[in-house]
Amino acid sequence: MEEESIRRLVREEILERELRRINDAYKGFYIHLAIYCLVNAAFSVFVLLRGGIFWPIFPIVFWGAGVLVHFSCLSIAKKSVEKELESLK
C-alpha cells in the first residue's frame, strides 16, 4: 500500500511540473500573437498607403492558422493534464 501511495505522489508531482511548463509556454504563445499582430499590421499599413493588391491577406490567414493551432495545442494539453491531476486527488 505504501508503494502505491508513493507512486501516486510522484505522478502528482510530475503532472504539476507539466502543468507549470504548459503555463510557462503560454508566454511563448502571447509573444507569437504579439509578433503576428505587429507584423501583419505593418504589412497592411504599407499596402494601404502604397496601394495595389492587398497581399497581406495571405500571411494574415495562413500565419493566423498557425497561431490558432499554437493556442489549441496548449489548451488541449493543459486540459488533459488538469483532468489527470484532478483524477488523482
Protein backbone atom coordinates (compact mmCIF):
# COMPACT_ATOMS: atom_id res chain seq x y z
CA MET A 1 0.00 0.00 0.00
CA GLU A 2 2.82 2.39 0.80
CA GLU A 3 4.42 1.82 -2.61
CA GLU A 4 1.15 2.72 -4.33
CA SER A 5 0.91 5.89 -2.28
CA ILE A 6 4.45 6.88 -3.22
CA ARG A 7 3.76 6.22 -6.92
CA ARG A 8 0.66 8.40 -6.70
CA LEU A 9 2.57 11.27 -5.07
CA VAL A 10 5.34 11.03 -7.67
CA ARG A 11 2.80 11.01 -10.51
CA GLU A 12 1.06 14.02 -8.98
CA GLU A 13 4.37 15.91 -8.76
CA ILE A 14 5.18 15.06 -12.39
CA LEU A 15 1.77 16.34 -13.51
CA GLU A 16 2.14 19.55 -11.50
CA ARG A 17 5.52 20.18 -13.14
CA GLU A 18 4.00 19.54 -16.55
CA LEU A 19 1.20 21.99 -15.78
CA ARG A 20 3.75 24.66 -14.78
CA ARG A 21 5.65 24.01 -18.02
CA ILE A 22 2.46 24.43 -20.05
CA ASN A 23 1.59 27.64 -18.21
CA ASP A 24 5.09 28.94 -18.99
CA ALA A 25 4.55 28.01 -22.65
CA TYR A 26 1.60 30.41 -22.74
CA LYS A 27 4.17 33.23 -22.54
CA GLY A 28 5.61 31.98 -25.82
CA PHE A 29 2.13 31.96 -27.32
CA TYR A 30 1.49 35.56 -26.29
CA ILE A 31 4.81 36.61 -27.80
CA HIS A 32 3.85 34.76 -31.00
CA LEU A 33 0.46 36.51 -31.02
CA ALA A 34 2.01 39.96 -30.46
CA ILE A 35 4.52 39.50 -33.28
CA TYR A 36 1.74 38.23 -35.56
CA CYS A 37 -0.36 41.33 -34.86
CA LEU A 38 2.52 43.80 -35.24
CA VAL A 39 3.92 42.34 -38.45
CA ASN A 40 0.56 41.96 -40.14
CA ALA A 41 -0.48 45.47 -39.09
CA ALA A 42 2.76 46.82 -40.60
CA PHE A 43 2.19 44.86 -43.82
CA SER A 44 -1.38 46.11 -44.04
CA VAL A 45 -0.47 49.76 -43.43
CA PHE A 46 2.30 49.53 -46.03
CA VAL A 47 -0.06 48.15 -48.69
CA LEU A 48 -2.88 50.54 -47.83
CA LEU A 49 -0.58 53.56 -48.10
CA ARG A 50 1.07 52.45 -51.35
CA GLY A 51 -2.00 50.94 -52.96
CA GLY A 52 -2.16 47.81 -55.02
CA ILE A 53 -3.34 44.31 -54.35
CA PHE A 54 -3.89 43.53 -50.68
CA TRP A 55 -1.38 40.68 -50.48
CA PRO A 56 -1.13 40.69 -46.63
CA ILE A 57 -4.31 38.63 -46.60
CA PHE A 58 -2.12 35.55 -47.19
CA PRO A 59 0.10 35.87 -44.10
CA ILE A 60 -2.93 37.02 -42.09
CA VAL A 61 -4.86 33.86 -42.96
CA PHE A 62 -2.09 31.25 -43.03
CA TRP A 63 0.03 32.59 -40.18
CA GLY A 64 -3.22 33.14 -38.27
CA ALA A 65 -3.98 29.45 -38.70
CA GLY A 66 -0.58 28.69 -37.17
CA VAL A 67 -1.34 30.96 -34.21
CA LEU A 68 -4.67 29.22 -33.74
CA VAL A 69 -3.01 25.78 -33.80
CA HIS A 70 -0.42 27.00 -31.28
CA PHE A 71 -3.19 28.10 -28.91
CA SER A 72 -5.25 24.94 -29.47
CA CYS A 73 -2.32 22.65 -28.67
CA LEU A 74 -1.62 24.48 -25.42
CA SER A 75 -5.27 24.45 -24.40
CA ILE A 76 -5.73 20.76 -25.11
CA ALA A 77 -2.52 19.84 -23.26
CA LYS A 78 -3.49 21.95 -20.26
CA LYS A 79 -6.99 20.45 -20.05
CA SER A 80 -5.58 16.94 -20.35
CA VAL A 81 -3.06 17.43 -17.54
CA GLU A 82 -5.61 19.18 -15.31
CA LYS A 83 -8.08 16.33 -15.84
CA GLU A 84 -5.50 13.67 -14.99
CA LEU A 85 -4.31 15.66 -11.97
CA GLU A 86 -7.88 16.01 -10.76
CA SER A 87 -8.44 12.27 -11.08
CA LEU A 88 -5.50 11.65 -8.72
CA LYS A 89 -6.91 13.87 -5.98
